[in-house]
Amino acid sequence: SLGKDPKLHVFVKPNNGITKAPRDIQLCCRHELHVVIPDNEEDVGDSTICSLDQVLAGDAIETIIQSTCVPDGIRVEVPARQILELTESHQGHNGISSTRVAVFLVVYCGEGFPVTRSMADTWRENTEAEVGKYIPLRENRRGRTVSKPFPYPALHPEIKYHTTGKKQ
């Protein structure tokens, strides 16, 4: 029974064609971006774009990805990062090398349309190519597939790294 006063609901897109989904229902995909920290700051690409400190804070990484690697309607977050000291021994050489690596958690959120794994994987490829222009990436961590899509609220309980200090 529809009751005495039935109502007809019509759903349309706004005039500008842009609809933003609330964060609690957005689908997201994530991946890690491993950046090799150079021994001296001169090794960071074009320093007019970003300083090493900005890269390590995650702000420059987020800006580069948001502005060049994803379409409108996708929000990029870099909610966590961790700096690792890697020690590698080389076979045949009696040498041990030490490298510092910054690991960023990159998240693609479907603000304007749903995110699929294949779309997010394309954005990951674009991200690795673009960020690689400015600072070297850890080669053995390139090309790893992004996560399956998950709801945005599930992201924050699973973050295991130190946050960048940027609050949303």
N, C-alpha and C. Protein backbone atom coordinates (compact mmCIF):
# COMPACT_ATOMS: atom_id res chain seq x y z
N SER A 1 0.85 -1.18 0.00
CA SER A 1 0.00 0.00 0.00
C SER A 1 0.89 1.24 0.00
N LEU A 2 0.61 2.17 -0.90
CA LEU A 2 1.39 3.39 -1.03
C LEU A 2 0.91 4.50 -0.10
N GLY A 3 -0.16 4.31 0.54
CA GLY A 3 -0.69 5.33 1.42
C GLY A 3 -1.62 6.27 0.68
N LYS A 4 -2.11 7.26 1.40
CA LYS A 4 -3.09 8.18 0.81
C LYS A 4 -2.44 9.22 -0.09
N ASP A 5 -1.15 9.49 0.14
CA ASP A 5 -0.49 10.56 -0.63
C ASP A 5 0.85 10.05 -1.19
N PRO A 6 0.81 9.23 -2.28
CA PRO A 6 2.06 8.70 -2.82
C PRO A 6 2.94 9.82 -3.41
N LYS A 7 4.28 9.63 -3.32
CA LYS A 7 5.22 10.63 -3.83
C LYS A 7 6.11 10.00 -4.89
N LEU A 8 6.40 10.77 -5.89
CA LEU A 8 7.29 10.33 -6.95
C LEU A 8 8.65 11.00 -6.73
N HIS A 9 9.70 10.21 -6.59
CA HIS A 9 11.06 10.75 -6.42
C HIS A 9 11.79 10.64 -7.75
N VAL A 10 12.39 11.74 -8.18
CA VAL A 10 13.16 11.76 -9.42
C VAL A 10 14.60 12.09 -9.07
N PHE A 11 15.55 11.24 -9.49
CA PHE A 11 16.96 11.46 -9.21
C PHE A 11 17.63 11.94 -10.48
N VAL A 12 18.29 13.08 -10.41
CA VAL A 12 19.00 13.65 -11.56
C VAL A 12 20.37 14.14 -11.10
N LYS A 13 21.27 14.26 -12.07
CA LYS A 13 22.58 14.85 -11.77
C LYS A 13 22.42 16.36 -11.69
N PRO A 14 23.24 17.01 -10.89
CA PRO A 14 23.17 18.47 -10.84
C PRO A 14 23.56 19.08 -12.20
N ASN A 15 23.25 20.35 -12.40
CA ASN A 15 23.50 21.01 -13.68
C ASN A 15 24.95 20.94 -14.13
N ASN A 16 25.87 21.02 -13.19
CA ASN A 16 27.28 20.98 -13.58
C ASN A 16 27.77 19.55 -13.83
N GLY A 17 26.92 18.55 -13.60
CA GLY A 17 27.27 17.16 -13.89
C GLY A 17 28.20 16.53 -12.86
N ILE A 18 28.54 17.26 -11.81
CA ILE A 18 29.47 16.74 -10.81
C ILE A 18 28.71 16.31 -9.57
N THR A 19 28.87 15.06 -9.20
CA THR A 19 28.26 14.54 -8.00
C THR A 19 29.38 14.00 -7.12
N LYS A 20 29.40 14.37 -5.86
CA LYS A 20 30.42 13.85 -4.94
C LYS A 20 29.76 12.91 -3.95
N ALA A 21 30.29 11.69 -3.91
CA ALA A 21 29.78 10.71 -2.95
C ALA A 21 30.31 11.04 -1.56
N PRO A 22 29.50 10.84 -0.53
CA PRO A 22 30.01 11.03 0.84
C PRO A 22 31.18 10.07 1.10
N ARG A 23 32.14 10.51 1.88
CA ARG A 23 33.34 9.70 2.13
C ARG A 23 33.03 8.31 2.68
N ASP A 24 32.00 8.20 3.50
CA ASP A 24 31.74 6.91 4.14
C ASP A 24 31.22 5.85 3.17
N ILE A 25 30.86 6.24 1.93
CA ILE A 25 30.44 5.22 0.96
C ILE A 25 31.35 5.16 -0.26
N GLN A 26 32.46 5.90 -0.23
CA GLN A 26 33.39 5.87 -1.36
C GLN A 26 34.18 4.57 -1.37
N LEU A 27 34.38 4.04 -2.59
CA LEU A 27 35.27 2.88 -2.76
C LEU A 27 36.67 3.39 -3.05
N CYS A 28 37.67 2.67 -2.52
CA CYS A 28 39.06 3.09 -2.66
C CYS A 28 39.94 1.89 -3.01
N CYS A 29 41.07 2.16 -3.62
CA CYS A 29 42.13 1.17 -3.81
C CYS A 29 43.41 1.79 -3.30
N ARG A 30 44.31 0.94 -2.82
CA ARG A 30 45.56 1.47 -2.26
C ARG A 30 46.76 0.68 -2.76
N HIS A 31 47.93 1.28 -2.64
CA HIS A 31 49.19 0.59 -2.93
C HIS A 31 50.30 1.34 -2.21
N GLU A 32 51.45 0.70 -2.13
CA GLU A 32 52.62 1.34 -1.53
C GLU A 32 53.51 1.88 -2.63
N LEU A 33 54.07 3.04 -2.38
CA LEU A 33 55.04 3.65 -3.30
C LEU A 33 56.36 3.73 -2.54
N HIS A 34 57.38 3.04 -3.04
CA HIS A 34 58.68 2.98 -2.39
C HIS A 34 59.63 3.94 -3.10
N VAL A 35 60.08 4.97 -2.39
CA VAL A 35 60.96 5.99 -2.94
C VAL A 35 62.32 5.86 -2.29
N VAL A 36 63.38 5.83 -3.10
CA VAL A 36 64.75 5.77 -2.56
C VAL A 36 65.16 7.18 -2.16
N ILE A 37 65.58 7.35 -0.92
CA ILE A 37 66.00 8.65 -0.42
C ILE A 37 67.46 8.86 -0.82
N PRO A 38 67.75 9.88 -1.63
CA PRO A 38 69.14 10.10 -2.05
C PRO A 38 70.01 10.54 -0.87
N ASP A 39 71.31 10.28 -1.01
CA ASP A 39 72.25 10.66 0.05
C ASP A 39 72.36 12.18 0.17
N ASN A 40 72.24 12.87 -0.98
CA ASN A 40 72.26 14.33 -0.90
C ASN A 40 71.06 14.88 -1.65
N GLU A 41 70.63 16.05 -1.25
CA GLU A 41 69.37 16.61 -1.76
C GLU A 41 69.45 17.00 -3.23
N GLU A 42 70.65 17.20 -3.76
CA GLU A 42 70.79 17.59 -5.16
C GLU A 42 70.27 16.50 -6.10
N ASP A 43 70.17 15.24 -5.60
CA ASP A 43 69.72 14.14 -6.44
C ASP A 43 68.20 14.15 -6.66
N VAL A 44 67.47 15.02 -5.96
CA VAL A 44 66.03 15.12 -6.17
C VAL A 44 65.82 15.97 -7.40
N GLY A 45 65.10 15.44 -8.38
CA GLY A 45 64.87 16.09 -9.68
C GLY A 45 64.90 17.60 -9.68
N ASP A 46 63.88 18.22 -10.18
CA ASP A 46 63.78 19.67 -10.27
C ASP A 46 63.37 20.22 -8.91
N SER A 47 64.33 20.81 -8.20
CA SER A 47 64.05 21.22 -6.82
C SER A 47 63.09 22.40 -6.75
N THR A 48 62.78 23.04 -7.89
CA THR A 48 61.77 24.09 -7.85
C THR A 48 60.38 23.49 -7.67
N ILE A 49 60.20 22.23 -8.02
CA ILE A 49 58.92 21.56 -7.86
C ILE A 49 58.70 21.19 -6.40
N CYS A 50 59.70 20.56 -5.80
CA CYS A 50 59.54 20.13 -4.42
C CYS A 50 60.90 19.91 -3.78
N SER A 51 60.96 20.09 -2.47
CA SER A 51 62.18 19.81 -1.73
C SER A 51 62.11 18.38 -1.19
N LEU A 52 63.23 17.87 -0.74
CA LEU A 52 63.25 16.52 -0.18
C LEU A 52 62.33 16.42 1.03
N ASP A 53 62.30 17.47 1.86
CA ASP A 53 61.41 17.47 3.02
C ASP A 53 59.94 17.35 2.61
N GLN A 54 59.55 18.06 1.54
CA GLN A 54 58.17 18.00 1.07
C GLN A 54 57.84 16.60 0.53
N VAL A 55 58.82 15.99 -0.13
CA VAL A 55 58.62 14.62 -0.64
C VAL A 55 58.41 13.68 0.53
N LEU A 56 59.27 13.77 1.54
CA LEU A 56 59.19 12.84 2.66
C LEU A 56 57.95 13.05 3.51
N ALA A 57 57.42 14.26 3.55
CA ALA A 57 56.19 14.52 4.30
C ALA A 57 54.97 13.95 3.57
N GLY A 58 55.13 13.65 2.28
CA GLY A 58 54.02 13.10 1.52
C GLY A 58 53.23 14.14 0.76
N ASP A 59 53.40 15.42 1.11
CA ASP A 59 52.63 16.48 0.48
C ASP A 59 52.93 16.58 -1.01
N ALA A 60 54.21 16.57 -1.37
CA ALA A 60 54.59 16.70 -2.78
C ALA A 60 54.10 15.49 -3.57
N ILE A 61 54.22 14.30 -2.99
CA ILE A 61 53.77 13.08 -3.66
C ILE A 61 52.27 13.18 -3.95
N GLU A 62 51.51 13.59 -2.94
CA GLU A 62 50.05 13.71 -3.10
C GLU A 62 49.69 14.73 -4.17
N THR A 63 50.39 15.86 -4.18
CA THR A 63 50.13 16.91 -5.17
C THR A 63 50.45 16.44 -6.58
N ILE A 64 51.59 15.79 -6.75
CA ILE A 64 51.99 15.29 -8.08
C ILE A 64 50.94 14.30 -8.60
N ILE A 65 50.52 13.35 -7.76
CA ILE A 65 49.56 12.33 -8.18
C ILE A 65 48.21 12.96 -8.50
N GLN A 66 47.72 13.82 -7.60
CA GLN A 66 46.39 14.43 -7.79
C GLN A 66 46.34 15.28 -9.05
N SER A 67 47.42 15.99 -9.35
CA SER A 67 47.39 16.93 -10.48
C SER A 67 47.71 16.29 -11.82
N THR A 68 48.39 15.14 -11.85
CA THR A 68 48.84 14.60 -13.13
C THR A 68 48.45 13.14 -13.41
N CYS A 69 48.07 12.37 -12.41
CA CYS A 69 47.94 10.92 -12.60
C CYS A 69 46.52 10.38 -12.55
N VAL A 70 45.58 11.15 -12.03
CA VAL A 70 44.21 10.64 -11.90
C VAL A 70 43.22 11.61 -12.55
N PRO A 71 42.06 11.11 -12.99
CA PRO A 71 41.04 12.00 -13.59
C PRO A 71 40.27 12.77 -12.52
N ASP A 72 39.53 13.78 -12.96
CA ASP A 72 38.63 14.49 -12.05
C ASP A 72 37.64 13.50 -11.48
N GLY A 73 37.29 13.66 -10.22
CA GLY A 73 36.35 12.74 -9.57
C GLY A 73 37.06 11.70 -8.72
N ILE A 74 38.39 11.69 -8.77
CA ILE A 74 39.18 10.78 -7.93
C ILE A 74 39.99 11.63 -6.96
N ARG A 75 39.86 11.32 -5.68
CA ARG A 75 40.60 12.02 -4.64
C ARG A 75 41.78 11.14 -4.23
N VAL A 76 42.96 11.74 -4.16
CA VAL A 76 44.16 11.01 -3.77
C VAL A 76 44.52 11.38 -2.34
N GLU A 77 44.85 10.38 -1.55
CA GLU A 77 45.35 10.61 -0.19
C GLU A 77 46.64 9.85 -0.01
N VAL A 78 47.55 10.44 0.75
CA VAL A 78 48.76 9.74 1.19
C VAL A 78 48.72 9.80 2.72
N PRO A 79 47.90 8.91 3.32
CA PRO A 79 47.63 9.03 4.76
C PRO A 79 48.75 8.53 5.67
N ALA A 80 49.73 7.82 5.11
CA ALA A 80 50.75 7.25 5.99
C ALA A 80 52.06 7.09 5.24
N ARG A 81 53.14 7.16 5.98
CA ARG A 81 54.46 6.93 5.42
C ARG A 81 55.38 6.37 6.49
N GLN A 82 56.43 5.72 6.02
CA GLN A 82 57.41 5.16 6.94
C GLN A 82 58.77 5.20 6.25
N ILE A 83 59.81 5.52 7.00
CA ILE A 83 61.15 5.53 6.43
C ILE A 83 61.88 4.29 6.93
N LEU A 84 62.42 3.51 5.98
CA LEU A 84 63.11 2.26 6.30
C LEU A 84 64.58 2.37 5.96
N GLU A 85 65.40 1.71 6.73
CA GLU A 85 66.83 1.60 6.44
C GLU A 85 67.05 0.18 5.95
N LEU A 86 67.45 0.03 4.68
CA LEU A 86 67.64 -1.30 4.09
C LEU A 86 69.13 -1.59 3.98
N THR A 87 69.53 -2.76 4.44
CA THR A 87 70.91 -3.18 4.32
C THR A 87 70.95 -4.39 3.40
N GLU A 88 71.74 -4.27 2.35
CA GLU A 88 71.83 -5.36 1.38
C GLU A 88 73.28 -5.80 1.23
N SER A 89 73.48 -7.12 1.22
CA SER A 89 74.82 -7.63 0.94
C SER A 89 74.85 -8.07 -0.51
N HIS A 90 75.97 -7.87 -1.15
CA HIS A 90 76.10 -8.19 -2.57
C HIS A 90 76.93 -9.45 -2.73
N GLN A 91 76.37 -10.45 -3.44
CA GLN A 91 77.10 -11.69 -3.68
C GLN A 91 78.30 -11.40 -4.57
N GLY A 92 79.39 -12.05 -4.29
CA GLY A 92 80.58 -11.88 -5.09
C GLY A 92 81.39 -10.67 -4.67
N HIS A 93 80.76 -9.79 -3.93
CA HIS A 93 81.46 -8.62 -3.40
C HIS A 93 81.42 -8.73 -1.88
N ASN A 94 82.43 -8.28 -1.26
CA ASN A 94 82.43 -8.31 0.21
C ASN A 94 81.82 -7.03 0.76
N GLY A 95 80.96 -6.42 -0.02
CA GLY A 95 80.39 -5.15 0.39
C GLY A 95 78.97 -5.27 0.89
N ILE A 96 78.64 -4.39 1.79
CA ILE A 96 77.28 -4.28 2.29
C ILE A 96 76.87 -2.84 2.07
N SER A 97 75.74 -2.64 1.42
CA SER A 97 75.29 -1.27 1.18
C SER A 97 74.04 -1.00 2.00
N SER A 98 73.90 0.26 2.35
CA SER A 98 72.74 0.67 3.14
C SER A 98 72.00 1.74 2.35
N THR A 99 70.68 1.60 2.28
CA THR A 99 69.85 2.54 1.54
C THR A 99 68.67 2.93 2.41
N ARG A 100 68.31 4.21 2.34
CA ARG A 100 67.11 4.65 3.03
C ARG A 100 65.97 4.71 2.02
N VAL A 101 64.81 4.20 2.41
CA VAL A 101 63.63 4.16 1.54
C VAL A 101 62.45 4.75 2.29
N ALA A 102 61.70 5.61 1.61
CA ALA A 102 60.44 6.12 2.17
C ALA A 102 59.31 5.34 1.53
N VAL A 103 58.45 4.75 2.36
CA VAL A 103 57.31 3.97 1.86
C VAL A 103 56.04 4.78 2.13
N PHE A 104 55.33 5.10 1.04
CA PHE A 104 54.10 5.88 1.14
C PHE A 104 52.91 4.99 0.85
N LEU A 105 51.85 5.14 1.63
CA LEU A 105 50.59 4.48 1.36
C LEU A 105 49.77 5.44 0.50
N VAL A 106 49.53 5.07 -0.77
CA VAL A 106 48.77 5.92 -1.70
C VAL A 106 47.38 5.33 -1.84
N VAL A 107 46.36 6.18 -1.69
CA VAL A 107 44.97 5.74 -1.74
C VAL A 107 44.22 6.55 -2.80
N TYR A 108 43.54 5.84 -3.70
CA TYR A 108 42.70 6.46 -4.72
C TYR A 108 41.25 6.29 -4.30
N CYS A 109 40.53 7.40 -4.07
CA CYS A 109 39.16 7.35 -3.57
C CYS A 109 38.18 7.82 -4.64
N GLY A 110 37.11 7.05 -4.84
CA GLY A 110 36.10 7.37 -5.84
C GLY A 110 35.11 8.40 -5.35
N GLU A 111 35.45 9.66 -5.52
CA GLU A 111 34.59 10.74 -5.07
C GLU A 111 33.49 11.02 -6.10
N GLY A 112 33.83 10.95 -7.39
CA GLY A 112 32.88 11.28 -8.43
C GLY A 112 32.34 10.07 -9.18
N PHE A 113 33.04 8.93 -9.07
CA PHE A 113 32.57 7.69 -9.69
C PHE A 113 33.25 6.52 -9.00
N PRO A 114 32.66 5.32 -9.10
CA PRO A 114 33.23 4.16 -8.40
C PRO A 114 34.60 3.77 -8.96
N VAL A 115 35.47 3.35 -8.07
CA VAL A 115 36.83 2.94 -8.44
C VAL A 115 36.84 1.43 -8.71
N THR A 116 37.46 1.04 -9.81
CA THR A 116 37.68 -0.38 -10.06
C THR A 116 39.17 -0.67 -9.93
N ARG A 117 39.50 -1.92 -9.73
CA ARG A 117 40.89 -2.30 -9.55
C ARG A 117 41.71 -2.02 -10.81
N SER A 118 41.15 -2.28 -11.98
CA SER A 118 41.90 -2.05 -13.22
C SER A 118 42.14 -0.55 -13.45
N MET A 119 41.16 0.29 -13.13
CA MET A 119 41.36 1.74 -13.26
C MET A 119 42.46 2.19 -12.30
N ALA A 120 42.39 1.74 -11.05
CA ALA A 120 43.38 2.14 -10.04
C ALA A 120 44.77 1.64 -10.41
N ASP A 121 44.85 0.48 -11.05
CA ASP A 121 46.15 -0.04 -11.46
C ASP A 121 46.77 0.83 -12.55
N THR A 122 45.94 1.37 -13.43
CA THR A 122 46.42 2.32 -14.45
C THR A 122 46.95 3.59 -13.77
N TRP A 123 46.23 4.06 -12.76
CA TRP A 123 46.68 5.26 -12.04
C TRP A 123 47.98 4.98 -11.30
N ARG A 124 48.15 3.74 -10.78
CA ARG A 124 49.41 3.38 -10.12
C ARG A 124 50.57 3.46 -11.11
N GLU A 125 50.35 2.92 -12.33
CA GLU A 125 51.39 2.99 -13.36
C GLU A 125 51.75 4.44 -13.67
N ASN A 126 50.73 5.29 -13.83
CA ASN A 126 50.97 6.72 -14.08
C ASN A 126 51.73 7.35 -12.92
N THR A 127 51.35 6.99 -11.70
CA THR A 127 52.01 7.52 -10.50
C THR A 127 53.47 7.14 -10.47
N GLU A 128 53.78 5.88 -10.72
CA GLU A 128 55.18 5.44 -10.69
C GLU A 128 56.00 6.16 -11.75
N ALA A 129 55.42 6.34 -12.94
CA ALA A 129 56.13 7.04 -14.02
C ALA A 129 56.36 8.51 -13.66
N GLU A 130 55.33 9.16 -13.13
CA GLU A 130 55.42 10.60 -12.84
C GLU A 130 56.32 10.89 -11.66
N VAL A 131 56.14 10.16 -10.55
CA VAL A 131 56.98 10.40 -9.36
C VAL A 131 58.44 10.03 -9.67
N GLY A 132 58.62 9.01 -10.52
CA GLY A 132 59.97 8.59 -10.92
C GLY A 132 60.74 9.66 -11.66
N LYS A 133 60.06 10.67 -12.20
CA LYS A 133 60.74 11.79 -12.87
C LYS A 133 61.45 12.69 -11.86
N TYR A 134 60.96 12.69 -10.61
CA TYR A 134 61.47 13.61 -9.60
C TYR A 134 62.44 12.97 -8.62
N ILE A 135 62.16 11.71 -8.30
CA ILE A 135 62.96 11.03 -7.28
C ILE A 135 62.96 9.54 -7.61
N PRO A 136 64.10 8.85 -7.42
CA PRO A 136 64.16 7.44 -7.82
C PRO A 136 63.23 6.55 -6.99
N LEU A 137 62.64 5.56 -7.66
CA LEU A 137 61.78 4.58 -6.98
C LEU A 137 62.56 3.29 -6.76
N ARG A 138 62.14 2.52 -5.79
CA ARG A 138 62.75 1.22 -5.52
C ARG A 138 62.26 0.25 -6.59
N GLU A 139 63.15 -0.16 -7.46
CA GLU A 139 62.78 -0.92 -8.66
C GLU A 139 62.07 -2.23 -8.36
N ASN A 140 62.49 -2.94 -7.31
CA ASN A 140 61.86 -4.24 -7.04
C ASN A 140 60.47 -4.12 -6.41
N ARG A 141 59.98 -2.89 -6.23
CA ARG A 141 58.62 -2.69 -5.70
C ARG A 141 57.71 -2.03 -6.73
N ARG A 142 58.22 -1.80 -7.93
CA ARG A 142 57.39 -1.21 -8.99
C ARG A 142 56.49 -2.28 -9.60
N GLY A 143 55.34 -1.85 -10.11
CA GLY A 143 54.48 -2.75 -10.86
C GLY A 143 53.63 -3.69 -10.03
N ARG A 144 53.56 -3.48 -8.74
CA ARG A 144 52.72 -4.35 -7.90
C ARG A 144 51.27 -3.89 -7.97
N THR A 145 50.38 -4.83 -8.17
CA THR A 145 48.96 -4.52 -8.36
C THR A 145 48.37 -3.84 -7.12
N VAL A 146 47.42 -2.95 -7.35
CA VAL A 146 46.74 -2.27 -6.24
C VAL A 146 45.82 -3.24 -5.51
N SER A 147 45.32 -2.81 -4.36
CA SER A 147 44.40 -3.64 -3.58
C SER A 147 43.06 -3.76 -4.29
N LYS A 148 42.26 -4.71 -3.84
CA LYS A 148 40.87 -4.76 -4.30
C LYS A 148 40.15 -3.54 -3.71
N PRO A 149 39.09 -3.08 -4.38
CA PRO A 149 38.36 -1.92 -3.83
C PRO A 149 37.79 -2.22 -2.44
N PHE A 150 37.86 -1.22 -1.58
CA PHE A 150 37.33 -1.35 -0.22
C PHE A 150 36.65 -0.04 0.16
N PRO A 151 35.72 -0.07 1.12
CA PRO A 151 35.05 1.17 1.54
C PRO A 151 36.03 2.07 2.32
N TYR A 152 35.96 3.36 2.08
CA TYR A 152 36.88 4.31 2.71
C TYR A 152 36.97 4.18 4.24
N PRO A 153 35.86 3.98 4.96
CA PRO A 153 35.98 3.87 6.43
C PRO A 153 36.88 2.71 6.88
N ALA A 154 37.08 1.71 6.03
CA ALA A 154 37.94 0.57 6.41
C ALA A 154 39.42 0.92 6.34
N LEU A 155 39.76 2.06 5.74
CA LEU A 155 41.16 2.43 5.57
C LEU A 155 41.85 2.75 6.89
N HIS A 156 41.27 3.61 7.68
CA HIS A 156 41.99 4.14 8.83
C HIS A 156 42.32 3.13 9.92
N PRO A 157 41.47 2.15 10.22
CA PRO A 157 41.87 1.17 11.24
C PRO A 157 43.05 0.29 10.79
N GLU A 158 43.27 0.18 9.48
CA GLU A 158 44.31 -0.74 9.04
C GLU A 158 45.65 -0.06 8.79
N ILE A 159 45.71 1.25 8.91
CA ILE A 159 46.98 1.95 8.68
C ILE A 159 47.98 1.53 9.75
N LYS A 160 49.15 1.06 9.29
CA LYS A 160 50.13 0.56 10.25
C LYS A 160 51.37 1.45 10.31
N TYR A 161 51.41 2.53 9.54
CA TYR A 161 52.57 3.40 9.52
C TYR A 161 52.28 4.67 10.31
N HIS A 162 53.30 5.48 10.51
CA HIS A 162 53.11 6.77 11.13
C HIS A 162 52.41 7.69 10.15
N THR A 163 51.49 8.50 10.65
CA THR A 163 50.77 9.39 9.74
C THR A 163 51.66 10.56 9.36
N THR A 164 51.27 11.25 8.31
CA THR A 164 52.04 12.40 7.83
C THR A 164 51.78 13.62 8.69
N GLY A 165 50.83 13.54 9.60
CA GLY A 165 50.51 14.68 10.44
C GLY A 165 49.42 15.55 9.82
N LYS A 166 49.03 15.24 8.60
CA LYS A 166 48.00 16.02 7.92
C LYS A 166 46.64 15.48 8.32
N LYS A 167 45.82 16.30 8.91
CA LYS A 167 44.49 15.85 9.39
C LYS A 167 43.43 16.24 8.39
N GLN A 168 42.46 15.34 8.17
CA GLN A 168 41.37 15.64 7.23
C GLN A 168 40.14 16.02 8.02
